[in-house]
């Protein structure tokens, strides 16, 4: 059986599947989560990163507008 390698959304460490608990466990930070919980964590992290990227882009645009208005 081919098993897809899973990485921890918190620290990036490798996760292994604990059959008895039907959950994944991170070998680095000890995160213990089901597949659904891991998907939710990855989604929340992606949303947060997208929000930060948009804010940085907006801040850059405001700075550029300010800079160009001084000339």
PDB file of N, CA and C in Angstrom:
ATOM      1  N   UNK A   1       0.839  -1.178   0.000  1.00  0.00           N
ATOM      2  CA  UNK A   1       0.000   0.000   0.000  1.00  0.00           C
ATOM      3  C   UNK A   1       0.886   1.246   0.000  1.00  0.00           C
ATOM      4  N   UNK A   2       0.583   2.179  -0.907  1.00  0.00           N
ATOM      5  CA  UNK A   2       1.347   3.425  -1.003  1.00  0.00           C
ATOM      6  C   UNK A   2       0.786   4.433  -0.013  1.00  0.00           C
ATOM      7  N   UNK A   3       1.656   5.001   0.821  1.00  0.00           N
ATOM      8  CA  UNK A   3       1.220   5.969   1.819  1.00  0.00           C
ATOM      9  C   UNK A   3       1.815   7.327   1.490  1.00  0.00           C
ATOM     10  N   UNK A   4       0.964   8.324   1.379  1.00  0.00           N
ATOM     11  CA  UNK A   4       1.416   9.674   1.089  1.00  0.00           C
ATOM     12  C   UNK A   4       2.094  10.260   2.327  1.00  0.00           C
ATOM     13  N   UNK A   5       3.247  10.862   2.117  1.00  0.00           N
ATOM     14  CA  UNK A   5       3.963  11.465   3.227  1.00  0.00           C
ATOM     15  C   UNK A   5       3.280  12.776   3.615  1.00  0.00           C
ATOM     16  N   UNK A   6       3.055  12.967   4.889  1.00  0.00           N
ATOM     17  CA  UNK A   6       2.367  14.149   5.388  1.00  0.00           C
ATOM     18  C   UNK A   6       3.324  14.966   6.238  1.00  0.00           C
ATOM     19  N   UNK A   7       3.250  16.272   6.081  1.00  0.00           N
ATOM     20  CA  UNK A   7       4.089  17.174   6.855  1.00  0.00           C
ATOM     21  C   UNK A   7       3.225  17.992   7.796  1.00  0.00           C
ATOM     22  N   UNK A   8       3.761  18.300   8.946  1.00  0.00           N
ATOM     23  CA  UNK A   8       3.054  19.026   9.997  1.00  0.00           C
ATOM     24  C   UNK A   8       2.786  20.470   9.562  1.00  0.00           C
ATOM     25  N   UNK A   9       1.543  20.924   9.685  1.00  0.00           N
ATOM     26  CA  UNK A   9       1.242  22.309   9.317  1.00  0.00           C
ATOM     27  C   UNK A   9       1.805  23.319  10.321  1.00  0.00           C
ATOM     28  N   UNK A  10       2.146  22.877  11.508  1.00  0.00           N
ATOM     29  CA  UNK A  10       2.680  23.772  12.536  1.00  0.00           C
ATOM     30  C   UNK A  10       4.186  23.986  12.400  1.00  0.00           C
ATOM     31  N   UNK A  11       4.948  22.892  12.241  1.00  0.00           N
ATOM     32  CA  UNK A  11       6.412  23.024  12.260  1.00  0.00           C
ATOM     33  C   UNK A  11       7.094  22.499  10.998  1.00  0.00           C
ATOM     34  N   UNK A  12       6.353  21.790  10.139  1.00  0.00           N
ATOM     35  CA  UNK A  12       6.937  21.252   8.918  1.00  0.00           C
ATOM     36  C   UNK A  12       7.591  19.893   9.092  1.00  0.00           C
ATOM     37  N   UNK A  13       7.528  19.328  10.298  1.00  0.00           N
ATOM     38  CA  UNK A  13       8.102  18.011  10.550  1.00  0.00           C
ATOM     39  C   UNK A  13       7.296  16.902   9.891  1.00  0.00           C
ATOM     40  N   UNK A  14       7.893  15.729   9.800  1.00  0.00           N
ATOM     41  CA  UNK A  14       7.196  14.584   9.210  1.00  0.00           C
ATOM     42  C   UNK A  14       6.157  14.049  10.191  1.00  0.00           C
ATOM     43  N   UNK A  15       5.037  13.614   9.645  1.00  0.00           N
ATOM     44  CA  UNK A  15       3.976  13.048  10.474  1.00  0.00           C
ATOM     45  C   UNK A  15       3.788  11.584  10.092  1.00  0.00           C
ATOM     46  N   UNK A  16       3.470  10.764  11.079  1.00  0.00           N
ATOM     47  CA  UNK A  16       3.155   9.371  10.784  1.00  0.00           C
ATOM     48  C   UNK A  16       1.764   9.073  11.301  1.00  0.00           C
ATOM     49  N   UNK A  17       1.144   8.060  10.701  1.00  0.00           N
ATOM     50  CA  UNK A  17      -0.228   7.705  11.043  1.00  0.00           C
ATOM     51  C   UNK A  17      -0.235   6.701  12.181  1.00  0.00           C
ATOM     52  N   UNK A  18      -0.924   7.049  13.251  1.00  0.00           N
ATOM     53  CA  UNK A  18      -1.089   6.170  14.410  1.00  0.00           C
ATOM     54  C   UNK A  18      -2.388   5.393  14.181  1.00  0.00           C
ATOM     55  N   UNK A  19      -2.248   4.116  13.843  1.00  0.00           N
ATOM     56  CA  UNK A  19      -3.399   3.305  13.461  1.00  0.00           C
ATOM     57  C   UNK A  19      -4.421   3.192  14.592  1.00  0.00           C
ATOM     58  N   UNK A  20      -3.964   2.931  15.801  1.00  0.00           N
ATOM     59  CA  UNK A  20      -4.881   2.734  16.928  1.00  0.00           C
ATOM     60  C   UNK A  20      -5.739   3.968  17.185  1.00  0.00           C
ATOM     61  N   UNK A  21      -5.157   5.148  17.060  1.00  0.00           N
ATOM     62  CA  UNK A  21      -5.887   6.385  17.330  1.00  0.00           C
ATOM     63  C   UNK A  21      -6.523   6.971  16.068  1.00  0.00           C
ATOM     64  N   UNK A  22      -6.167   6.415  14.909  1.00  0.00           N
ATOM     65  CA  UNK A  22      -6.640   6.919  13.612  1.00  0.00           C
ATOM     66  C   UNK A  22      -6.331   8.402  13.463  1.00  0.00           C
ATOM     67  N   UNK A  23      -5.109   8.765  13.840  1.00  0.00           N
ATOM     68  CA  UNK A  23      -4.663  10.152  13.784  1.00  0.00           C
ATOM     69  C   UNK A  23      -3.203  10.209  13.362  1.00  0.00           C
ATOM     70  N   UNK A  24      -2.793  11.402  12.940  1.00  0.00           N
ATOM     71  CA  UNK A  24      -1.405  11.630  12.577  1.00  0.00           C
ATOM     72  C   UNK A  24      -0.680  12.253  13.763  1.00  0.00           C
ATOM     73  N   UNK A  25       0.596  11.912  13.902  1.00  0.00           N
ATOM     74  CA  UNK A  25       1.436  12.451  14.976  1.00  0.00           C
ATOM     75  C   UNK A  25       2.704  13.004  14.341  1.00  0.00           C
ATOM     76  N   UNK A  26       3.067  14.232  14.738  1.00  0.00           N
ATOM     77  CA  UNK A  26       4.283  14.859  14.236  1.00  0.00           C
ATOM     78  C   UNK A  26       5.478  14.348  15.037  1.00  0.00           C
ATOM     79  N   UNK A  27       6.529  13.965  14.329  1.00  0.00           N
ATOM     80  CA  UNK A  27       7.727  13.461  14.998  1.00  0.00           C
ATOM     81  C   UNK A  27       8.568  14.589  15.592  1.00  0.00           C
ATOM     82  N   UNK A  28       8.314  15.830  15.167  1.00  0.00           N
ATOM     83  CA  UNK A  28       9.123  16.952  15.637  1.00  0.00           C
ATOM     84  C   UNK A  28       8.468  17.694  16.805  1.00  0.00           C
ATOM     85  N   UNK A  29       7.205  18.114  16.634  1.00  0.00           N
ATOM     86  CA  UNK A  29       6.567  18.926  17.677  1.00  0.00           C
ATOM     87  C   UNK A  29       5.499  18.175  18.472  1.00  0.00           C
ATOM     88  N   UNK A  30       5.127  16.976  18.021  1.00  0.00           N
ATOM     89  CA  UNK A  30       4.164  16.167  18.760  1.00  0.00           C
ATOM     90  C   UNK A  30       2.703  16.464  18.458  1.00  0.00           C
ATOM     91  N   UNK A  31       2.421  17.283  17.436  1.00  0.00           N
ATOM     92  CA  UNK A  31       1.035  17.570  17.066  1.00  0.00           C
ATOM     93  C   UNK A  31       0.304  16.255  16.801  1.00  0.00           C
ATOM     94  N   UNK A  32      -0.890  16.136  17.336  1.00  0.00           N
ATOM     95  CA  UNK A  32      -1.700  14.927  17.231  1.00  0.00           C
ATOM     96  C   UNK A  32      -3.026  15.352  16.623  1.00  0.00           C
ATOM     97  N   UNK A  33      -3.309  14.948  15.368  1.00  0.00           N
ATOM     98  CA  UNK A  33      -4.504  15.432  14.688  1.00  0.00           C
ATOM     99  C   UNK A  33      -5.015  14.424  13.666  1.00  0.00           C
ATOM    100  N   UNK A  34      -6.323  14.495  13.431  1.00  0.00           N
ATOM    101  CA  UNK A  34      -6.937  13.666  12.387  1.00  0.00           C
ATOM    102  C   UNK A  34      -6.662  14.317  11.036  1.00  0.00           C
ATOM    103  N   UNK A  35      -6.970  13.618   9.983  1.00  0.00           N
ATOM    104  CA  UNK A  35      -6.781  14.148   8.628  1.00  0.00           C
ATOM    105  C   UNK A  35      -7.600  15.432   8.438  1.00  0.00           C
ATOM    106  N   UNK A  36      -8.817  15.445   8.963  1.00  0.00           N
ATOM    107  CA  UNK A  36      -9.678  16.629   8.834  1.00  0.00           C
ATOM    108  C   UNK A  36      -9.104  17.819   9.593  1.00  0.00           C
ATOM    109  N   UNK A  37      -8.575  17.567  10.780  1.00  0.00           N
ATOM    110  CA  UNK A  37      -7.980  18.652  11.564  1.00  0.00           C
ATOM    111  C   UNK A  37      -6.745  19.219  10.869  1.00  0.00           C
ATOM    112  N   UNK A  38      -5.963  18.349  10.251  1.00  0.00           N
ATOM    113  CA  UNK A  38      -4.772  18.805   9.513  1.00  0.00           C
ATOM    114  C   UNK A  38      -5.202  19.663   8.331  1.00  0.00           C
ATOM    115  N   UNK A  39      -6.241  19.232   7.614  1.00  0.00           N
ATOM    116  CA  UNK A  39      -6.746  20.024   6.493  1.00  0.00           C
ATOM    117  C   UNK A  39      -7.217  21.391   6.962  1.00  0.00           C
ATOM    118  N   UNK A  40      -7.931  21.433   8.086  1.00  0.00           N
ATOM    119  CA  UNK A  40      -8.403  22.709   8.633  1.00  0.00           C
ATOM    120  C   UNK A  40      -7.236  23.613   9.005  1.00  0.00           C
ATOM    121  N   UNK A  41      -6.207  23.054   9.653  1.00  0.00           N
ATOM    122  CA  UNK A  41      -5.034  23.844  10.033  1.00  0.00           C
ATOM    123  C   UNK A  41      -4.323  24.407   8.807  1.00  0.00           C
ATOM    124  N   UNK A  42      -4.145  23.569   7.780  1.00  0.00           N
ATOM    125  CA  UNK A  42      -3.482  24.027   6.557  1.00  0.00           C
ATOM    126  C   UNK A  42      -4.285  25.134   5.889  1.00  0.00           C
ATOM    127  N   UNK A  43      -5.622  25.006   5.888  1.00  0.00           N
ATOM    128  CA  UNK A  43      -6.477  26.026   5.291  1.00  0.00           C
ATOM    129  C   UNK A  43      -6.346  27.342   6.054  1.00  0.00           C
ATOM    130  N   UNK A  44      -6.381  27.289   7.384  1.00  0.00           N
ATOM    131  CA  UNK A  44      -6.268  28.502   8.197  1.00  0.00           C
ATOM    132  C   UNK A  44      -4.921  29.190   7.996  1.00  0.00           C
ATOM    133  N   UNK A  45      -3.868  28.401   7.882  1.00  0.00           N
ATOM    134  CA  UNK A  45      -2.537  28.966   7.647  1.00  0.00           C
ATOM    135  C   UNK A  45      -2.480  29.637   6.280  1.00  0.00           C
ATOM    136  N   UNK A  46      -3.064  28.997   5.268  1.00  0.00           N
ATOM    137  CA  UNK A  46      -3.083  29.572   3.916  1.00  0.00           C
ATOM    138  C   UNK A  46      -3.852  30.885   3.903  1.00  0.00           C
ATOM    139  N   UNK A  47      -5.012  30.927   4.564  1.00  0.00           N
ATOM    140  CA  UNK A  47      -5.811  32.148   4.630  1.00  0.00           C
ATOM    141  C   UNK A  47      -5.014  33.261   5.316  1.00  0.00           C
ATOM    142  N   UNK A  48      -4.341  32.928   6.421  1.00  0.00           N
ATOM    143  CA  UNK A  48      -3.544  33.915   7.148  1.00  0.00           C
ATOM    144  C   UNK A  48      -2.401  34.445   6.274  1.00  0.00           C
ATOM    145  N   UNK A  49      -1.718  33.551   5.556  1.00  0.00           N
ATOM    146  CA  UNK A  49      -0.618  33.976   4.683  1.00  0.00           C
ATOM    147  C   UNK A  49      -1.129  34.854   3.547  1.00  0.00           C
ATOM    148  N   UNK A  50      -2.284  34.501   2.969  1.00  0.00           N
ATOM    149  CA  UNK A  50      -2.869  35.314   1.906  1.00  0.00           C
ATOM    150  C   UNK A  50      -3.223  36.702   2.420  1.00  0.00           C
ATOM    151  N   UNK A  51      -3.783  36.765   3.630  1.00  0.00           N
ATOM    152  CA  UNK A  51      -4.145  38.039   4.237  1.00  0.00           C
ATOM    153  C   UNK A  51      -2.894  38.892   4.463  1.00  0.00           C
ATOM    154  N   UNK A  52      -1.821  38.296   4.956  1.00  0.00           N
ATOM    155  CA  UNK A  52      -0.568  39.025   5.181  1.00  0.00           C
ATOM    156  C   UNK A  52       0.014  39.529   3.861  1.00  0.00           C
ATOM    157  N   UNK A  53      -0.074  38.701   2.827  1.00  0.00           N
ATOM    158  CA  UNK A  53       0.436  39.080   1.512  1.00  0.00           C
ATOM    159  C   UNK A  53      -0.358  40.272   0.958  1.00  0.00           C
ATOM    160  N   UNK A  54      -1.692  40.236   1.100  1.00  0.00           N
ATOM    161  CA  UNK A  54      -2.524  41.346   0.632  1.00  0.00           C
ATOM    162  C   UNK A  54      -2.220  42.624   1.411  1.00  0.00           C
ATOM    163  N   UNK A  55      -2.015  42.497   2.722  1.00  0.00           N
ATOM    164  CA  UNK A  55      -1.711  43.668   3.546  1.00  0.00           C
ATOM    165  C   UNK A  55      -0.370  44.274   3.128  1.00  0.00           C
ATOM    166  N   UNK A  56       0.626  43.415   2.894  1.00  0.00           N
ATOM    167  CA  UNK A  56       1.939  43.905   2.490  1.00  0.00           C
ATOM    168  C   UNK A  56       1.841  44.621   1.140  1.00  0.00           C
ATOM    169  N   UNK A  57       1.066  44.050   0.234  1.00  0.00           N
ATOM    170  CA  UNK A  57       0.898  44.651  -1.082  1.00  0.00           C
ATOM    171  C   UNK A  57       0.177  45.993  -0.961  1.00  0.00           C
ATOM    172  N   UNK A  58      -0.849  46.058  -0.105  1.00  0.00           N
ATOM    173  CA  UNK A  58      -1.599  47.294   0.114  1.00  0.00           C
ATOM    174  C   UNK A  58      -0.687  48.356   0.738  1.00  0.00           C
ATOM    175  N   UNK A  59       0.107  47.957   1.735  1.00  0.00           N
ATOM    176  CA  UNK A  59       1.032  48.896   2.380  1.00  0.00           C
ATOM    177  C   UNK A  59       2.046  49.434   1.378  1.00  0.00           C
ATOM    178  N   UNK A  60       2.532  48.558   0.509  1.00  0.00           N
ATOM    179  CA  UNK A  60       3.502  48.979  -0.505  1.00  0.00           C
ATOM    180  C   UNK A  60       2.857  49.995  -1.444  1.00  0.00           C
ATOM    181  N   UNK A  61       1.593  49.736  -1.827  1.00  0.00           N
ATOM    182  CA  UNK A  61       0.876  50.658  -2.708  1.00  0.00           C
ATOM    183  C   UNK A  61       0.682  52.018  -2.062  1.00  0.00           C
ATOM    184  N   UNK A  62       0.359  52.032  -0.760  1.00  0.00           N
ATOM    185  CA  UNK A  62       0.187  53.295  -0.043  1.00  0.00           C
ATOM    186  C   UNK A  62       1.509  54.057   0.042  1.00  0.00           C
ATOM    187  N   UNK A  63       2.595  53.343   0.283  1.00  0.00           N
ATOM    188  CA  UNK A  63       3.902  53.987   0.355  1.00  0.00           C
ATOM    189  C   UNK A  63       4.275  54.578  -1.010  1.00  0.00           C
ATOM    190  N   UNK A  64       4.043  53.805  -2.062  1.00  0.00           N
ATOM    191  CA  UNK A  64       4.361  54.281  -3.409  1.00  0.00           C
ATOM    192  C   UNK A  64       3.538  55.522  -3.739  1.00  0.00           C
ATOM    193  N   UNK A  65       2.263  55.494  -3.386  1.00  0.00           N
ATOM    194  CA  UNK A  65       1.402  56.656  -3.617  1.00  0.00           C
ATOM    195  C   UNK A  65       1.927  57.872  -2.862  1.00  0.00           C
ATOM    196  N   UNK A  66       2.327  57.677  -1.605  1.00  0.00           N
ATOM    197  CA  UNK A  66       2.879  58.766  -0.806  1.00  0.00           C
ATOM    198  C   UNK A  66       4.162  59.294  -1.438  1.00  0.00           C
ATOM    199  N   UNK A  67       5.039  58.385  -1.853  1.00  0.00           N
ATOM    200  CA  UNK A  67       6.322  58.771  -2.431  1.00  0.00           C
ATOM    201  C   UNK A  67       6.116  59.572  -3.703  1.00  0.00           C
ATOM    202  N   UNK A  68       5.225  59.117  -4.547  1.00  0.00           N
ATOM    203  CA  UNK A  68       4.991  59.807  -5.812  1.00  0.00           C
ATOM    204  C   UNK A  68       4.290  61.160  -5.615  1.00  0.00           C
ATOM    205  N   UNK A  69       3.526  61.311  -4.545  1.00  0.00           N
ATOM    206  CA  UNK A  69       2.830  62.580  -4.306  1.00  0.00           C
ATOM    207  C   UNK A  69       3.806  63.672  -3.850  1.00  0.00           C
ATOM    208  N   UNK A  70       4.978  63.297  -3.355  1.00  0.00           N
ATOM    209  CA  UNK A  70       5.969  64.259  -2.865  1.00  0.00           C
ATOM    210  C   UNK A  70       6.796  64.852  -4.004  1.00  0.00           C
ATOM    211  N   UNK A  71       6.760  64.246  -5.160  1.00  0.00           N
ATOM    212  CA  UNK A  71       7.621  64.682  -6.270  1.00  0.00           C
ATOM    213  C   UNK A  71       6.942  65.694  -7.143  1.00  0.00           C
TER     214      UNK A  71
END
